[in-house]
Amino acid sequence: MLGFALAFVLLFRRFRLGATLGYLVAGAVVGPQMLGLVGDAQQMIDIAEFGIVMLLFVVGLELDPHRLWRLKSAIFGLGLVQVVACGLAMVAVVFFAVRFPLAAAIAVGLPLGLSSTAQVLPMLQSSGRLRTPFGERAFAILLFQDLSIIPLITIVAAMSADRSGADAGPPGWQLALMTVAAIIGLIAAGRFGLRPLYRLIGNLNEREMFIVAALFTVLASALVMQLLGLSTALGAFIAGVMLADTPYRHELEADIEPFRSILLGMFFLAVGMLLDLGVIAQHPLFVVGLALALISVKTLVIFGIGRIIGMAWRPALALGLLLSQGGEFGFVLFTQAQAGGIISAEAASLLGAVVTLSMATTPFLMMAASRMRQPQSAGGTREGPNSDGASALIIGFGRFGQTVAQVLVSAGVNLTLVDNDVEQIDVAEEFGAKVYYGDGTRMDLLRQAGAGEATMIVFCIDKDQIHAELLHGIHEAFPKAAVYMRAYDRRSILALKGAPVDLVMREMLESAVAMARAALGGLGLSVQEIERAEGKFRQVDQERLLLQLETGDIRAARDKAFHQFVDEMREKPVEG
């Protein structure tokens, strides 16, 4: 499965068709319908559903209160209207055109109203449009869709219980009460159990224990909900929200990401294996017709919403095209509806094919959307990064990083602060600074913290934790971000020779120069004399550093060091 996934995802990425579609096709090829190289697809999907659980955990981690507040109107206004309007429109299509029963139409139509976050968001980000007003609206809608998965799962579960008889579980109202009680219990467990646990692990500075604790958090919260007969995804989501405003958010994301990516890919592989190609071949007009109806109806509904909120017709139509496909969570809800007896296995295969076909149109719809966007004026100014990401990352929040951060904040720069000292994080929080826990030299954690979207990464770490190889890796991974760093001394700078770094600052240089200026003033020198002395020092210091970098020898240009200044001062001693 991994071999076929690797081949097809690389192929589909090569033609810009998206990884999700590659996984689905790989699953169909390797599954029982074609080559038959893999056995029980249903057993595989039961395991791979943990990818969905971990995706919901990551979505919960992303719900930082400040980020939500900045986009609150777009998320809870535009997003809510889109989910409700598109969901009800597709319920009507399925009910009247396909002639499904009302319960089945609801269980099918509401998921069809969602779009593919896994496809749209990475494409927006790679094209550089995530930060534009157009991209922000698309992001807000997708974020609310991710949030709406929780009530949709609960709705389908409630209808399944009602349809499956007395042995299916508690009635809907009791299920709702149990959901509320479980959420309250998880929140209490997070505040009084998980946060002290992560603080203890942070003090021990054991990265492996963070991975163990992250997996334990996800799986334990999912297990609690499963034992109560509730959604495992809901439990993971609540666990993520509990930890969203803690200093450990980025570290948790970085640790969970590899498991989430692999399991989510396996989930799409299993979905491809479950596609009944024989049934699809018997009803091609149904699949193509419903896919076209899905794309057309969602495009028109989102276009209308965009026009109502004041968007010009070009970006409104582009937004509709961009979000017109079905989403990956449709597979989850169709499987759940099938398990609950709401729809048949044949219908689930047909609906999965509809979503798959609509996903295949995403790259082409993106091309159409890019042409539909209102072109920017050549003489206009570009809006700087704001919305959901920071303009600069400060790695290290000790005495050096605090000063850098405070000056940048004074200028209105939006920052993300990262440090791996738990005590320092706690002290910073007492003074109102939000510092995230994590090792800022890890590439995966930098990516989770937003380095791919930031315009600057400032390393304020003490000692010699940054080396040339790491800087080369950072430059390749985040080419748009300028790198500024603190160096311990001249030897640290020599060790970084040839590294792609925009600025290296010796940590004590400027404070020592400032004290020297004050000392000269105390000795009675004029401002002009102080400026001359400082200028001479900086000139000689720069010449020495360039020679040392050229030769790689710290002893180079010794004749330009302290003795030169002593000789000059003997020629012109300071009076007084």
Protein backbone atom coordinates (compact mmCIF):
# COMPACT_ATOMS: atom_id res chain seq x y z
CA MET A 1 0.00 0.00 0.00
CA LEU A 2 2.79 2.42 0.86
CA GLY A 3 4.58 1.62 -2.39
CA PHE A 4 1.51 2.27 -4.54
CA ALA A 5 0.69 5.38 -2.50
CA LEU A 6 4.19 6.72 -3.03
CA ALA A 7 4.03 6.13 -6.79
CA PHE A 8 0.56 7.58 -7.36
CA VAL A 9 0.92 10.56 -5.03
CA LEU A 10 4.20 11.55 -6.69
CA LEU A 11 2.56 11.15 -10.10
CA PHE A 12 -0.50 13.18 -9.18
CA ARG A 13 1.63 15.83 -7.48
CA ARG A 14 3.73 16.04 -10.61
CA PHE A 15 0.62 16.98 -12.60
CA ARG A 16 -0.71 19.20 -9.76
CA LEU A 17 -3.76 17.03 -9.16
CA GLY A 18 -3.34 16.78 -5.37
CA ALA A 19 -2.20 14.07 -2.96
CA THR A 20 -5.73 13.11 -1.88
CA LEU A 21 -6.73 12.02 -5.36
CA GLY A 22 -3.46 10.08 -5.66
CA TYR A 23 -4.22 8.14 -2.47
CA LEU A 24 -7.77 7.36 -3.65
CA VAL A 25 -6.63 6.06 -7.04
CA ALA A 26 -3.78 4.07 -5.45
CA GLY A 27 -6.29 2.42 -3.13
CA ALA A 28 -8.60 1.57 -6.01
CA VAL A 29 -5.73 0.03 -8.00
CA VAL A 30 -4.22 -2.01 -5.16
CA GLY A 31 -7.59 -3.02 -3.73
CA PRO A 32 -9.85 -6.02 -4.39
CA GLN A 33 -11.61 -4.37 -7.35
CA MET A 34 -8.47 -4.33 -9.53
CA LEU A 35 -5.14 -5.96 -8.59
CA GLY A 36 -6.35 -7.48 -5.31
CA LEU A 37 -2.98 -7.14 -3.59
CA VAL A 38 -4.45 -6.06 -0.23
CA GLY A 39 -6.99 -7.88 1.87
CA ASP A 40 -9.70 -6.53 4.16
CA ALA A 41 -10.31 -2.86 3.32
CA GLN A 42 -12.86 -2.44 6.12
CA GLN A 43 -10.35 -3.57 8.74
CA MET A 44 -7.82 -1.13 7.27
CA ILE A 45 -10.26 1.77 7.40
CA ASP A 46 -11.05 1.03 11.06
CA ILE A 47 -7.36 1.58 11.86
CA ALA A 48 -6.86 4.45 9.43
CA GLU A 49 -9.77 6.39 10.94
CA PHE A 50 -7.28 7.40 13.62
CA GLY A 51 -5.97 9.75 10.92
CA ILE A 52 -9.31 11.59 11.07
CA VAL A 53 -9.13 11.59 14.87
CA MET A 54 -5.66 13.15 14.78
CA LEU A 55 -6.73 15.65 12.13
CA LEU A 56 -9.49 16.85 14.46
CA PHE A 57 -6.95 17.10 17.29
CA VAL A 58 -4.75 19.34 15.12
CA VAL A 59 -7.79 21.43 14.14
CA GLY A 60 -8.50 21.90 17.85
CA LEU A 61 -4.88 22.95 18.47
CA GLU A 62 -5.24 25.61 15.76
CA LEU A 63 -8.09 27.33 17.58
CA ASP A 64 -6.00 29.93 19.31
CA PRO A 65 -8.41 32.49 20.85
CA HIS A 66 -6.56 35.47 19.37
CA ARG A 67 -6.59 33.96 15.91
CA LEU A 68 -10.30 33.22 16.13
CA TRP A 69 -11.01 36.74 17.33
CA ARG A 70 -9.29 38.31 14.32
CA LEU A 71 -11.41 36.32 11.89
CA LYS A 72 -14.51 35.89 14.03
CA SER A 73 -16.90 37.61 11.62
CA ALA A 74 -15.71 35.66 8.60
CA ILE A 75 -15.53 32.31 10.44
CA PHE A 76 -18.79 32.39 12.37
CA GLY A 77 -20.69 34.56 9.90
CA LEU A 78 -19.62 33.65 6.38
CA GLY A 79 -18.63 30.11 7.37
CA LEU A 80 -21.92 29.38 9.13
CA VAL A 81 -24.00 30.72 6.25
CA GLN A 82 -22.03 28.68 3.70
CA VAL A 83 -22.31 25.40 5.61
CA VAL A 84 -26.04 25.80 6.25
CA ALA A 85 -26.95 27.11 2.79
CA CYS A 86 -24.89 24.60 0.80
CA GLY A 87 -25.89 21.73 3.08
CA LEU A 88 -29.63 22.44 2.80
CA ALA A 89 -29.33 22.98 -0.96
CA MET A 90 -27.70 19.56 -1.39
CA VAL A 91 -30.29 17.96 0.92
CA ALA A 92 -32.97 19.32 -1.44
CA VAL A 93 -31.11 18.00 -4.51
CA VAL A 94 -30.70 14.53 -3.03
CA PHE A 95 -34.27 14.42 -1.73
CA PHE A 96 -36.06 15.66 -4.86
CA ALA A 97 -33.70 14.62 -7.69
CA VAL A 98 -32.28 11.35 -6.35
CA ARG A 99 -35.44 10.41 -4.42
CA PHE A 100 -33.66 9.42 -1.22
CA PRO A 101 -35.72 9.24 2.01
CA LEU A 102 -35.53 12.38 4.13
CA ALA A 103 -33.17 10.88 6.75
CA ALA A 104 -30.83 9.61 4.03
CA ALA A 105 -31.02 12.94 2.18
CA ILE A 106 -29.97 14.76 5.36
CA ALA A 107 -27.16 12.29 6.11
CA VAL A 108 -25.89 12.65 2.53
CA GLY A 109 -26.71 16.27 1.66
CA LEU A 110 -25.15 17.96 4.70
CA PRO A 111 -21.72 16.31 4.20
CA LEU A 112 -21.84 17.19 0.48
CA GLY A 113 -22.06 20.86 1.54
CA LEU A 114 -18.50 20.64 2.90
CA SER A 115 -15.37 21.25 0.81
CA SER A 116 -11.93 19.64 0.79
CA THR A 117 -9.66 21.37 3.29
CA ALA A 118 -6.90 18.88 2.49
CA GLN A 119 -6.84 20.07 -1.14
CA VAL A 120 -7.83 23.74 -1.09
CA LEU A 121 -5.70 25.06 1.76
CA PRO A 122 -2.31 23.72 0.61
CA MET A 123 -2.99 24.96 -2.92
CA LEU A 124 -3.89 28.42 -1.66
CA GLN A 125 -0.76 28.49 0.46
CA SER A 126 1.56 27.32 -2.32
CA SER A 127 0.14 29.92 -4.71
CA GLY A 128 0.73 32.73 -2.21
CA ARG A 129 -2.96 33.68 -1.96
CA LEU A 130 -3.67 32.55 1.58
CA ARG A 131 -2.93 36.03 2.98
CA THR A 132 -5.06 37.94 0.48
CA PRO A 133 -8.66 38.96 1.35
CA PHE A 134 -9.81 36.27 -1.08
CA GLY A 135 -7.68 33.63 0.65
CA GLU A 136 -8.79 34.75 4.12
CA ARG A 137 -12.45 34.24 3.21
CA ALA A 138 -11.73 30.77 1.84
CA PHE A 139 -9.72 29.93 4.97
CA ALA A 140 -12.52 31.15 7.27
CA ILE A 141 -15.09 28.99 5.48
CA LEU A 142 -12.86 25.92 5.57
CA LEU A 143 -12.14 26.43 9.27
CA PHE A 144 -15.84 26.62 10.10
CA GLN A 145 -16.44 23.53 7.98
CA ASP A 146 -13.88 21.69 10.10
CA LEU A 147 -15.73 22.83 13.20
CA SER A 148 -19.09 21.81 11.76
CA ILE A 149 -17.91 18.22 11.38
CA ILE A 150 -18.54 17.69 15.09
CA PRO A 151 -22.30 18.48 15.03
CA LEU A 152 -22.66 16.66 11.68
CA ILE A 153 -21.15 13.50 13.15
CA THR A 154 -23.50 13.84 16.13
CA ILE A 155 -26.52 14.32 13.83
CA VAL A 156 -25.71 11.22 11.77
CA ALA A 157 -25.06 9.21 14.94
CA ALA A 158 -28.39 10.31 16.41
CA MET A 159 -30.29 9.34 13.26
CA SER A 160 -28.47 6.02 13.16
CA ALA A 161 -29.55 5.31 16.72
CA ASP A 162 -33.16 6.18 15.91
CA ARG A 163 -33.17 3.88 12.86
CA SER A 164 -31.38 0.91 14.36
CA GLY A 165 -33.80 -0.11 17.07
CA ALA A 166 -33.53 -0.42 20.81
CA ASP A 167 -30.13 -2.08 20.78
CA ALA A 168 -28.48 0.80 18.93
CA GLY A 169 -27.92 2.94 21.98
CA PRO A 170 -29.50 5.85 23.85
CA PRO A 171 -32.00 8.21 22.19
CA GLY A 172 -30.89 11.51 20.66
CA TRP A 173 -31.67 13.74 23.68
CA GLN A 174 -29.74 11.43 26.01
CA LEU A 175 -26.87 11.34 23.53
CA ALA A 176 -26.76 15.16 23.56
CA LEU A 177 -26.64 15.25 27.39
CA MET A 178 -23.88 12.65 27.42
CA THR A 179 -21.95 14.70 24.86
CA VAL A 180 -22.14 17.83 27.03
CA ALA A 181 -21.11 15.89 30.15
CA ALA A 182 -18.19 14.27 28.31
CA ILE A 183 -16.99 17.65 27.00
CA ILE A 184 -17.07 19.15 30.50
CA GLY A 185 -15.20 16.12 31.86
CA LEU A 186 -12.52 16.35 29.17
CA ILE A 187 -12.03 20.06 29.78
CA ALA A 188 -11.62 19.43 33.53
CA ALA A 189 -9.18 16.59 32.86
CA GLY A 190 -7.18 18.82 30.56
CA ARG A 191 -6.93 21.71 33.00
CA PHE A 192 -6.17 19.70 36.12
CA GLY A 193 -4.37 16.71 34.60
CA LEU A 194 -2.87 17.31 31.18
CA ARG A 195 -1.39 20.75 31.74
CA PRO A 196 0.57 19.73 34.87
CA LEU A 197 1.67 16.58 33.00
CA TYR A 198 3.08 18.57 30.08
CA ARG A 199 4.73 20.99 32.46
CA LEU A 200 6.47 18.07 34.19
CA ILE A 201 7.64 16.63 30.84
CA GLY A 202 8.84 20.06 29.75
CA ASN A 203 10.94 20.40 32.89
CA LEU A 204 12.50 17.01 32.19
CA ASN A 205 13.20 18.14 28.59
CA GLU A 206 12.47 14.66 27.22
CA ARG A 207 11.25 14.93 23.62
CA GLU A 208 10.31 11.23 23.41
CA MET A 209 7.98 11.69 26.37
CA PHE A 210 6.26 14.53 24.53
CA ILE A 211 5.47 12.18 21.65
CA VAL A 212 4.17 9.55 24.06
CA ALA A 213 2.08 12.14 25.92
CA ALA A 214 0.68 13.59 22.67
CA LEU A 215 -0.44 10.17 21.42
CA PHE A 216 -1.81 9.33 24.85
CA THR A 217 -3.85 12.55 24.89
CA VAL A 218 -5.40 11.87 21.47
CA LEU A 219 -6.13 8.19 21.99
CA ALA A 220 -7.33 8.48 25.59
CA SER A 221 -9.78 11.27 24.77
CA ALA A 222 -11.03 9.30 21.76
CA LEU A 223 -11.41 6.16 23.89
CA VAL A 224 -13.45 8.00 26.53
CA MET A 225 -15.91 9.15 23.87
CA GLN A 226 -16.05 5.70 22.28
CA LEU A 227 -16.86 4.06 25.62
CA LEU A 228 -19.78 6.48 25.95
CA GLY A 229 -20.95 5.66 22.44
CA LEU A 230 -19.97 9.12 21.14
CA SER A 231 -17.72 10.33 18.36
CA THR A 232 -14.02 9.61 18.81
CA ALA A 233 -13.26 12.61 16.58
CA LEU A 234 -15.21 14.82 18.99
CA GLY A 235 -13.03 13.66 21.89
CA ALA A 236 -9.82 14.39 20.00
CA PHE A 237 -11.14 17.79 18.96
CA ILE A 238 -11.92 18.74 22.58
CA ALA A 239 -8.45 17.56 23.63
CA GLY A 240 -6.91 19.83 21.00
CA VAL A 241 -8.95 22.83 22.11
CA MET A 242 -7.91 22.19 25.72
CA LEU A 243 -4.26 22.56 24.73
CA ALA A 244 -4.61 25.31 22.11
CA ASP A 245 -3.71 28.15 24.47
CA THR A 246 -0.85 26.34 26.24
CA PRO A 247 2.85 26.91 25.51
CA TYR A 248 3.10 23.33 24.18
CA ARG A 249 0.83 23.77 21.16
CA HIS A 250 3.51 23.88 18.46
CA GLU A 251 5.49 21.04 20.02
CA LEU A 252 2.34 18.88 20.06
CA GLU A 253 1.53 19.71 16.45
CA ALA A 254 5.05 18.82 15.35
CA ASP A 255 4.93 15.50 17.22
CA ILE A 256 1.46 14.49 15.99
CA GLU A 257 1.93 15.61 12.37
CA PRO A 258 3.84 12.52 11.08
CA PHE A 259 1.24 10.13 12.56
CA ARG A 260 -1.64 12.26 11.27
CA SER A 261 -0.23 12.48 7.75
CA ILE A 262 0.47 8.77 7.41
CA LEU A 263 -2.83 7.62 8.92
CA LEU A 264 -4.84 10.15 6.93
CA GLY A 265 -3.15 8.94 3.76
CA MET A 266 -3.97 5.35 4.75
CA PHE A 267 -7.57 6.43 5.30
CA PHE A 268 -7.85 7.71 1.73
CA LEU A 269 -6.16 4.53 0.50
CA ALA A 270 -8.76 2.44 2.33
CA VAL A 271 -11.56 4.59 0.91
CA GLY A 272 -10.22 3.94 -2.57
CA MET A 273 -10.15 0.22 -1.81
CA LEU A 274 -13.79 0.34 -0.68
CA LEU A 275 -15.00 1.97 -3.90
CA ASP A 276 -17.19 -0.58 -5.68
CA LEU A 277 -16.04 0.00 -9.25
CA GLY A 278 -18.60 -2.49 -10.54
CA VAL A 279 -21.47 -0.51 -9.05
CA ILE A 280 -20.00 2.73 -10.39
CA ALA A 281 -19.68 1.20 -13.86
CA GLN A 282 -23.35 0.22 -13.71
CA HIS A 283 -24.44 3.78 -12.82
CA PRO A 284 -22.03 6.16 -14.58
CA LEU A 285 -24.71 8.74 -15.35
CA PHE A 286 -25.69 8.90 -11.67
CA VAL A 287 -22.09 9.53 -10.55
CA VAL A 288 -21.32 12.13 -13.22
CA GLY A 289 -24.71 13.80 -12.94
CA LEU A 290 -24.63 14.15 -9.15
CA ALA A 291 -20.99 15.37 -9.26
CA LEU A 292 -21.97 18.07 -11.79
CA ALA A 293 -24.99 18.99 -9.66
CA LEU A 294 -22.77 19.21 -6.57
CA ILE A 295 -20.28 21.53 -8.27
CA SER A 296 -22.95 23.69 -9.92
CA VAL A 297 -25.18 24.09 -6.85
CA LYS A 298 -22.34 24.91 -4.45
CA THR A 299 -20.79 27.36 -6.92
CA LEU A 300 -24.08 29.23 -7.33
CA VAL A 301 -24.83 29.26 -3.58
CA ILE A 302 -21.36 30.52 -2.58
CA PHE A 303 -21.42 33.04 -5.44
CA GLY A 304 -24.72 34.38 -4.13
CA ILE A 305 -23.41 34.57 -0.55
CA GLY A 306 -20.33 36.43 -1.78
CA ARG A 307 -22.40 38.98 -3.66
CA ILE A 308 -24.65 39.52 -0.63
CA ILE A 309 -21.67 40.35 1.62
CA GLY A 310 -20.34 42.85 -0.93
CA MET A 311 -17.78 40.89 -2.94
CA ALA A 312 -17.29 41.82 -6.58
CA TRP A 313 -18.66 39.25 -9.00
CA ARG A 314 -15.26 37.97 -10.14
CA PRO A 315 -13.88 37.01 -6.70
CA ALA A 316 -17.32 35.79 -5.59
CA LEU A 317 -17.51 33.41 -8.58
CA ALA A 318 -13.89 32.38 -8.02
CA LEU A 319 -14.66 31.57 -4.37
CA GLY A 320 -17.63 29.46 -5.46
CA LEU A 321 -15.52 27.49 -7.94
CA LEU A 322 -12.75 27.02 -5.42
CA LEU A 323 -15.01 25.47 -2.75
CA SER A 324 -17.45 23.61 -5.01
CA GLN A 325 -15.98 20.11 -4.63
CA GLY A 326 -16.93 17.55 -2.01
CA GLY A 327 -14.76 17.11 1.05
CA GLU A 328 -12.81 14.27 2.60
CA PHE A 329 -15.09 14.16 5.64
CA GLY A 330 -17.89 13.09 3.34
CA PHE A 331 -16.25 9.64 3.28
CA VAL A 332 -16.34 9.52 7.09
CA LEU A 333 -20.00 10.49 7.30
CA PHE A 334 -21.06 8.20 4.44
CA THR A 335 -19.35 5.28 6.18
CA GLN A 336 -21.06 6.20 9.44
CA ALA A 337 -24.43 6.51 7.70
CA GLN A 338 -23.93 3.10 6.11
CA ALA A 339 -23.00 1.54 9.45
CA GLY A 340 -26.13 3.05 10.98
CA GLY A 341 -28.38 1.65 8.27
CA ILE A 342 -29.31 5.05 6.86
CA ILE A 343 -27.91 4.32 3.38
CA SER A 344 -26.89 1.08 1.66
CA ALA A 345 -23.35 -0.03 0.88
CA GLU A 346 -24.06 0.50 -2.83
CA ALA A 347 -25.18 4.08 -2.18
CA ALA A 348 -22.09 4.74 -0.06
CA SER A 349 -19.85 3.55 -2.93
CA LEU A 350 -21.70 5.74 -5.43
CA LEU A 351 -21.54 8.78 -3.17
CA GLY A 352 -17.84 8.18 -2.52
CA ALA A 353 -17.31 8.14 -6.28
CA VAL A 354 -19.22 11.43 -6.57
CA VAL A 355 -16.96 13.11 -4.03
CA THR A 356 -13.87 11.58 -5.64
CA LEU A 357 -14.87 12.88 -9.08
CA SER A 358 -15.57 16.35 -7.69
CA MET A 359 -12.16 16.33 -5.98
CA ALA A 360 -10.55 15.53 -9.31
CA THR A 361 -11.90 18.82 -10.63
CA THR A 362 -10.21 20.87 -7.87
CA PRO A 363 -6.94 21.66 -9.71
CA PHE A 364 -8.84 22.74 -12.81
CA LEU A 365 -11.27 24.81 -10.73
CA MET A 366 -8.27 26.46 -9.06
CA MET A 367 -6.98 27.47 -12.48
CA ALA A 368 -10.36 28.93 -13.33
CA ALA A 369 -10.52 30.66 -9.94
CA SER A 370 -7.10 32.27 -10.45
CA ARG A 371 -8.29 33.75 -13.74
CA MET A 372 -11.53 34.93 -12.18
CA ARG A 373 -9.89 36.90 -9.38
CA GLN A 374 -9.93 40.65 -9.79
CA PRO A 375 -6.41 41.62 -10.94
CA GLN A 376 -4.50 43.89 -8.59
CA SER A 377 -3.48 47.35 -9.68
CA ALA A 378 0.18 47.49 -10.68
CA GLY A 379 0.70 50.63 -8.67
CA GLY A 380 -1.12 49.45 -5.57
CA THR A 381 0.46 48.46 -2.30
CA ARG A 382 0.49 44.93 -1.03
CA GLU A 383 -0.96 44.15 2.36
CA GLY A 384 1.57 42.77 4.81
CA PRO A 385 1.07 39.50 6.65
CA ASN A 386 -1.56 39.73 9.36
CA SER A 387 -4.54 37.38 9.69
CA ASP A 388 -3.69 33.93 11.02
CA GLY A 389 0.12 33.96 11.03
CA ALA A 390 2.94 35.94 12.58
CA SER A 391 5.25 38.23 10.60
CA ALA A 392 8.28 37.10 12.62
CA LEU A 393 9.28 34.13 14.77
CA ILE A 394 11.45 34.79 17.83
CA ILE A 395 13.30 31.62 18.86
CA GLY A 396 14.60 32.01 22.40
CA PHE A 397 12.98 34.30 24.98
CA GLY A 398 15.81 34.92 27.41
CA ARG A 399 17.21 38.34 28.22
CA PHE A 400 18.33 38.86 24.62
CA GLY A 401 15.12 37.61 22.98
CA GLN A 402 12.93 39.61 25.36
CA THR A 403 14.53 42.88 24.30
CA VAL A 404 14.24 42.04 20.59
CA ALA A 405 10.62 40.98 20.99
CA GLN A 406 9.60 44.06 22.98
CA VAL A 407 11.06 46.42 20.39
CA LEU A 408 9.30 44.58 17.55
CA VAL A 409 6.00 44.54 19.43
CA SER A 410 6.37 48.27 20.07
CA ALA A 411 6.45 48.71 16.29
CA GLY A 412 3.26 46.68 15.89
CA VAL A 413 4.90 43.52 14.53
CA ASN A 414 2.90 40.30 15.03
CA LEU A 415 5.18 37.73 16.69
CA THR A 416 5.27 34.05 17.57
CA LEU A 417 7.60 33.37 20.53
CA VAL A 418 9.20 29.94 21.10
CA ASP A 419 11.40 28.73 23.97
CA ASN A 420 12.16 25.36 25.58
CA ASP A 421 12.62 26.62 29.15
CA VAL A 422 9.42 25.93 31.07
CA GLU A 423 10.29 28.24 33.97
CA GLN A 424 11.07 31.06 31.56
CA ILE A 425 7.73 30.48 29.82
CA ASP A 426 5.87 30.67 33.13
CA VAL A 427 7.62 33.91 34.11
CA ALA A 428 6.89 35.42 30.69
CA GLU A 429 3.21 34.51 31.06
CA GLU A 430 3.05 36.42 34.35
CA PHE A 431 4.10 39.53 32.43
CA GLY A 432 1.55 38.98 29.67
CA ALA A 433 3.80 37.39 27.02
CA LYS A 434 2.57 34.25 25.23
CA VAL A 435 5.58 31.97 24.68
CA TYR A 436 5.19 28.51 23.14
CA TYR A 437 7.19 25.53 24.30
CA GLY A 438 9.41 23.75 21.79
CA ASP A 439 12.84 23.25 20.31
CA GLY A 440 13.17 26.07 17.78
CA THR A 441 16.02 24.31 15.97
CA ARG A 442 13.66 21.54 14.80
CA MET A 443 12.50 21.99 11.22
CA ASP A 444 9.09 20.41 11.83
CA LEU A 445 8.39 22.65 14.81
CA LEU A 446 9.41 25.76 12.84
CA ARG A 447 6.98 24.72 10.13
CA GLN A 448 4.19 24.21 12.66
CA ALA A 449 4.93 27.61 14.21
CA GLY A 450 4.37 29.30 10.84
CA ALA A 451 7.89 29.72 9.44
CA GLY A 452 6.59 28.97 5.97
CA GLU A 453 4.44 32.10 6.08
CA ALA A 454 6.65 34.36 8.22
CA THR A 455 8.85 37.02 6.66
CA MET A 456 11.56 36.72 9.31
CA ILE A 457 12.99 34.16 11.76
CA VAL A 458 15.06 35.63 14.60
CA PHE A 459 17.21 33.19 16.56
CA CYS A 460 17.96 34.64 19.99
CA ILE A 461 19.30 31.40 21.47
CA ASP A 462 22.39 31.56 23.65
CA LYS A 463 25.57 29.50 23.20
CA ASP A 464 26.22 27.82 19.81
CA GLN A 465 23.02 25.91 19.06
CA ILE A 466 22.75 27.15 15.47
CA HIS A 467 25.14 25.66 12.91
CA ALA A 468 25.65 26.19 9.19
CA GLU A 469 23.96 22.95 8.14
CA LEU A 470 20.80 23.91 10.03
CA LEU A 471 20.75 27.35 8.40
CA HIS A 472 21.06 25.79 4.94
CA GLY A 473 18.10 23.55 5.75
CA ILE A 474 16.05 26.49 7.02
CA HIS A 475 16.82 28.49 3.88
CA GLU A 476 15.71 25.62 1.64
CA ALA A 477 12.55 24.95 3.63
CA PHE A 478 11.54 28.59 4.16
CA PRO A 479 13.14 30.63 1.35
CA LYS A 480 10.86 33.63 1.89
CA ALA A 481 11.92 34.16 5.51
CA ALA A 482 14.94 36.32 6.34
CA VAL A 483 17.11 34.79 9.08
CA TYR A 484 18.59 36.96 11.84
CA MET A 485 20.56 35.34 14.63
CA ARG A 486 22.42 36.00 17.82
CA ALA A 487 26.01 34.76 17.99
CA TYR A 488 27.93 34.09 21.17
CA ASP A 489 31.26 35.51 19.96
CA ARG A 490 33.56 35.94 16.97
CA ARG A 491 34.27 32.20 16.84
CA SER A 492 30.54 31.54 16.46
CA ILE A 493 30.45 33.80 13.41
CA LEU A 494 33.44 32.02 11.85
CA ALA A 495 31.66 28.67 12.31
CA LEU A 496 28.77 30.00 10.18
CA LYS A 497 30.96 30.89 7.21
CA GLY A 498 28.99 30.52 3.96
CA ALA A 499 25.67 29.94 5.74
CA PRO A 500 22.58 31.67 4.30
CA VAL A 501 21.92 34.14 7.12
CA ASP A 502 20.88 37.76 6.66
CA LEU A 503 22.30 39.18 9.90
CA VAL A 504 24.52 37.85 12.69
CA MET A 505 24.77 39.93 15.87
CA ARG A 506 27.33 39.23 18.61
CA GLU A 507 25.34 39.24 21.80
CA MET A 508 27.53 41.57 23.89
CA LEU A 509 28.82 43.86 21.15
CA GLU A 510 26.27 46.67 21.23
CA SER A 511 25.89 46.74 25.02
CA ALA A 512 29.68 46.89 25.39
CA VAL A 513 29.90 49.73 22.85
CA ALA A 514 27.13 51.58 24.69
CA MET A 515 29.03 51.28 27.99
CA ALA A 516 32.24 52.41 26.32
CA ARG A 517 30.45 55.49 24.97
CA ALA A 518 29.14 56.25 28.46
CA ALA A 519 32.63 55.79 29.91
CA LEU A 520 34.13 58.17 27.36
CA GLY A 521 31.46 60.70 28.20
CA GLY A 522 32.29 60.33 31.86
CA LEU A 523 35.94 61.03 31.04
CA GLY A 524 34.94 64.34 29.54
CA LEU A 525 35.27 63.63 25.81
CA SER A 526 33.06 65.53 23.41
CA VAL A 527 30.35 63.88 21.33
CA GLN A 528 32.52 64.26 18.22
CA GLU A 529 35.43 62.51 19.91
CA ILE A 530 33.16 59.69 21.11
CA GLU A 531 31.76 59.24 17.61
CA ARG A 532 35.27 59.17 16.15
CA ALA A 533 36.42 56.53 18.63
CA GLU A 534 33.37 54.34 18.03
CA GLY A 535 33.68 54.68 14.26
CA LYS A 536 37.35 53.70 14.38
CA PHE A 537 36.57 50.67 16.51
CA ARG A 538 33.77 49.48 14.23
CA GLN A 539 35.91 49.93 11.12
CA VAL A 540 38.85 47.95 12.51
CA ASP A 541 36.53 45.31 13.99
CA GLN A 542 34.83 44.80 10.63
CA GLU A 543 38.17 44.57 8.80
CA ARG A 544 39.39 41.95 11.27
CA LEU A 545 36.19 39.94 10.96
CA LEU A 546 36.35 39.93 7.15
CA LEU A 547 39.97 38.73 7.20
CA GLN A 548 39.13 36.05 9.74
CA LEU A 549 36.20 34.85 7.63
CA GLU A 550 38.41 34.80 4.54
CA THR A 551 41.17 32.76 6.17
CA GLY A 552 39.08 30.81 8.67
CA ASP A 553 41.66 31.64 11.35
CA ILE A 554 40.66 33.44 14.55
CA ARG A 555 44.25 34.67 14.91
CA ALA A 556 44.24 36.49 11.57
CA ALA A 557 44.74 40.27 11.67
CA ARG A 558 46.11 40.26 15.22
CA ASP A 559 47.98 43.44 14.39
CA LYS A 560 44.62 45.20 13.95
CA ALA A 561 43.40 44.25 17.40
CA PHE A 562 43.91 45.93 20.75
CA HIS A 563 47.53 46.97 20.28
CA GLN A 564 46.66 49.23 17.35
CA PHE A 565 44.34 51.28 19.51
CA VAL A 566 46.93 51.45 22.29
CA ASP A 567 49.53 52.78 19.87
CA GLU A 568 47.15 55.44 18.54
CA MET A 569 46.16 56.60 22.00
CA ARG A 570 49.84 56.93 22.95
CA GLU A 571 50.23 59.31 20.03
CA LYS A 572 47.16 61.29 21.13
CA PRO A 573 46.44 60.66 24.85
CA VAL A 574 43.19 61.66 26.49
CA GLU A 575 43.52 64.77 28.62
CA GLY A 576 41.96 65.09 32.04
